[in-house]
């Protein structure tokens, strides 16, 4: 995720739009075949939010702390679309 989306995720958390009980998808570290570390996208339910990121209970029944940079979508919507649905006015710059 670009830095603009990280800033947007922080704004959503400040405005309590990213809060406990919300369904999210995020990149999380997992072990692949042979124990090789890798990342995959998993769905989860947010259990707490702080200024550095959030903690969620993921579909594999593990609770993980995740940073805002790993957030993929909220309630099935990409972050800009979720912000637009709640009328959050934020101008995002396109990454170079």
C-alpha atoms as a PDB file:
ATOM      1  CA  UNK A   1       0.000   0.000   0.000  1.00  0.00           C
ATOM      2  CA  UNK A   2       1.292   3.483  -0.774  1.00  0.00           C
ATOM      3  CA  UNK A   3       2.061   6.057   1.907  1.00  0.00           C
ATOM      4  CA  UNK A   4      -1.076   7.968   0.912  1.00  0.00           C
ATOM      5  CA  UNK A   5      -3.208   4.983   1.848  1.00  0.00           C
ATOM      6  CA  UNK A   6      -1.367   4.632   5.162  1.00  0.00           C
ATOM      7  CA  UNK A   7      -2.223   8.269   5.912  1.00  0.00           C
ATOM      8  CA  UNK A   8      -5.826   7.610   4.879  1.00  0.00           C
ATOM      9  CA  UNK A   9      -5.996   4.561   7.167  1.00  0.00           C
ATOM     10  CA  UNK A  10      -4.748   6.699  10.070  1.00  0.00           C
ATOM     11  CA  UNK A  11      -7.406   9.327   9.330  1.00  0.00           C
ATOM     12  CA  UNK A  12     -10.099   6.630   9.238  1.00  0.00           C
ATOM     13  CA  UNK A  13      -8.873   5.305  12.598  1.00  0.00           C
ATOM     14  CA  UNK A  14      -8.875   8.820  14.112  1.00  0.00           C
ATOM     15  CA  UNK A  15     -12.468   9.348  12.954  1.00  0.00           C
ATOM     16  CA  UNK A  16     -13.490   5.957  14.410  1.00  0.00           C
ATOM     17  CA  UNK A  17     -14.379   4.546  10.964  1.00  0.00           C
ATOM     18  CA  UNK A  18     -11.728   1.854  11.452  1.00  0.00           C
ATOM     19  CA  UNK A  19     -12.789   0.425  14.811  1.00  0.00           C
ATOM     20  CA  UNK A  20     -13.492  -2.763  16.726  1.00  0.00           C
ATOM     21  CA  UNK A  21     -15.809  -5.202  14.971  1.00  0.00           C
ATOM     22  CA  UNK A  22     -15.044  -4.049  11.417  1.00  0.00           C
ATOM     23  CA  UNK A  23     -14.177  -6.729   8.833  1.00  0.00           C
ATOM     24  CA  UNK A  24     -10.855  -6.128   7.064  1.00  0.00           C
ATOM     25  CA  UNK A  25      -8.408  -7.841   4.732  1.00  0.00           C
ATOM     26  CA  UNK A  26      -4.703  -7.450   5.409  1.00  0.00           C
ATOM     27  CA  UNK A  27      -1.354  -8.924   4.429  1.00  0.00           C
ATOM     28  CA  UNK A  28      -0.095 -11.129   7.251  1.00  0.00           C
ATOM     29  CA  UNK A  29       3.033 -13.248   7.670  1.00  0.00           C
ATOM     30  CA  UNK A  30       2.510 -17.001   7.412  1.00  0.00           C
ATOM     31  CA  UNK A  31       4.617 -20.132   7.026  1.00  0.00           C
ATOM     32  CA  UNK A  32       4.517 -21.786   3.624  1.00  0.00           C
ATOM     33  CA  UNK A  33       5.447 -25.320   2.636  1.00  0.00           C
ATOM     34  CA  UNK A  34       8.731 -26.348   4.223  1.00  0.00           C
ATOM     35  CA  UNK A  35       8.448 -23.565   6.792  1.00  0.00           C
ATOM     36  CA  UNK A  36       9.391 -20.799   4.353  1.00  0.00           C
ATOM     37  CA  UNK A  37       8.164 -17.391   5.576  1.00  0.00           C
ATOM     38  CA  UNK A  38       5.793 -15.578   3.226  1.00  0.00           C
ATOM     39  CA  UNK A  39       2.869 -13.154   3.306  1.00  0.00           C
ATOM     40  CA  UNK A  40      -0.717 -13.702   2.269  1.00  0.00           C
ATOM     41  CA  UNK A  41      -3.957 -11.753   2.409  1.00  0.00           C
ATOM     42  CA  UNK A  42      -6.389 -12.873   5.109  1.00  0.00           C
ATOM     43  CA  UNK A  43      -9.757 -11.617   6.277  1.00  0.00           C
ATOM     44  CA  UNK A  44     -10.219 -10.709   9.908  1.00  0.00           C
ATOM     45  CA  UNK A  45     -12.213  -8.756  12.460  1.00  0.00           C
ATOM     46  CA  UNK A  46     -10.564  -5.798  14.179  1.00  0.00           C
ATOM     47  CA  UNK A  47     -10.300  -6.216  17.942  1.00  0.00           C
ATOM     48  CA  UNK A  48      -8.400  -2.994  18.785  1.00  0.00           C
ATOM     49  CA  UNK A  49      -6.905   0.042  17.046  1.00  0.00           C
ATOM     50  CA  UNK A  50      -4.006   2.285  18.071  1.00  0.00           C
ATOM     51  CA  UNK A  51      -1.833   4.942  16.401  1.00  0.00           C
ATOM     52  CA  UNK A  52       0.616   2.359  14.977  1.00  0.00           C
ATOM     53  CA  UNK A  53      -1.914  -0.098  13.550  1.00  0.00           C
ATOM     54  CA  UNK A  54      -4.515  -2.553  14.713  1.00  0.00           C
ATOM     55  CA  UNK A  55      -5.004  -6.010  16.169  1.00  0.00           C
ATOM     56  CA  UNK A  56      -7.370  -8.427  14.470  1.00  0.00           C
ATOM     57  CA  UNK A  57      -8.680 -11.963  14.802  1.00  0.00           C
ATOM     58  CA  UNK A  58      -8.028 -13.568  11.408  1.00  0.00           C
ATOM     59  CA  UNK A  59      -9.792 -16.429   9.646  1.00  0.00           C
ATOM     60  CA  UNK A  60      -7.139 -18.898  10.813  1.00  0.00           C
ATOM     61  CA  UNK A  61      -8.217 -18.082  14.423  1.00  0.00           C
ATOM     62  CA  UNK A  62      -4.979 -16.268  15.249  1.00  0.00           C
ATOM     63  CA  UNK A  63      -4.804 -12.785  16.724  1.00  0.00           C
ATOM     64  CA  UNK A  64      -2.131 -10.664  15.048  1.00  0.00           C
ATOM     65  CA  UNK A  65      -0.991  -7.057  15.365  1.00  0.00           C
ATOM     66  CA  UNK A  66      -0.813  -5.450  11.933  1.00  0.00           C
ATOM     67  CA  UNK A  67       0.400  -2.062  10.734  1.00  0.00           C
ATOM     68  CA  UNK A  68      -1.709   0.271   8.617  1.00  0.00           C
ATOM     69  CA  UNK A  69       0.615  -0.340   5.650  1.00  0.00           C
ATOM     70  CA  UNK A  70      -0.609  -3.950   5.414  1.00  0.00           C
ATOM     71  CA  UNK A  71      -4.317  -3.055   5.315  1.00  0.00           C
ATOM     72  CA  UNK A  72      -5.880  -4.058   1.974  1.00  0.00           C
ATOM     73  CA  UNK A  73      -9.586  -3.279   2.381  1.00  0.00           C
ATOM     74  CA  UNK A  74     -12.266  -2.455   4.924  1.00  0.00           C
ATOM     75  CA  UNK A  75     -15.700  -4.101   4.732  1.00  0.00           C
ATOM     76  CA  UNK A  76     -14.851  -5.297   1.214  1.00  0.00           C
ATOM     77  CA  UNK A  77     -13.999  -1.804  -0.094  1.00  0.00           C
ATOM     78  CA  UNK A  78     -10.604  -0.341  -0.907  1.00  0.00           C
ATOM     79  CA  UNK A  79      -9.633   2.481   1.432  1.00  0.00           C
ATOM     80  CA  UNK A  80     -10.434   5.408  -0.927  1.00  0.00           C
ATOM     81  CA  UNK A  81     -13.875   3.933  -1.685  1.00  0.00           C
ATOM     82  CA  UNK A  82     -14.574   3.320   2.021  1.00  0.00           C
ATOM     83  CA  UNK A  83     -13.585   6.912   2.821  1.00  0.00           C
ATOM     84  CA  UNK A  84     -15.828   8.173   0.015  1.00  0.00           C
ATOM     85  CA  UNK A  85     -18.774   6.140   1.332  1.00  0.00           C
ATOM     86  CA  UNK A  86     -18.459   7.954   4.672  1.00  0.00           C
ATOM     87  CA  UNK A  87     -17.833  11.323   2.989  1.00  0.00           C
ATOM     88  CA  UNK A  88     -14.275  11.695   4.236  1.00  0.00           C
ATOM     89  CA  UNK A  89     -12.747  14.486   2.151  1.00  0.00           C
ATOM     90  CA  UNK A  90      -9.098  13.609   1.576  1.00  0.00           C
ATOM     91  CA  UNK A  91      -7.042  14.495  -1.470  1.00  0.00           C
ATOM     92  CA  UNK A  92      -4.645  11.667  -2.307  1.00  0.00           C
ATOM     93  CA  UNK A  93      -1.571  12.278  -4.395  1.00  0.00           C
ATOM     94  CA  UNK A  94      -0.694   9.625  -6.931  1.00  0.00           C
ATOM     95  CA  UNK A  95       2.601   7.846  -6.105  1.00  0.00           C
ATOM     96  CA  UNK A  96       5.458   8.591  -8.481  1.00  0.00           C
END
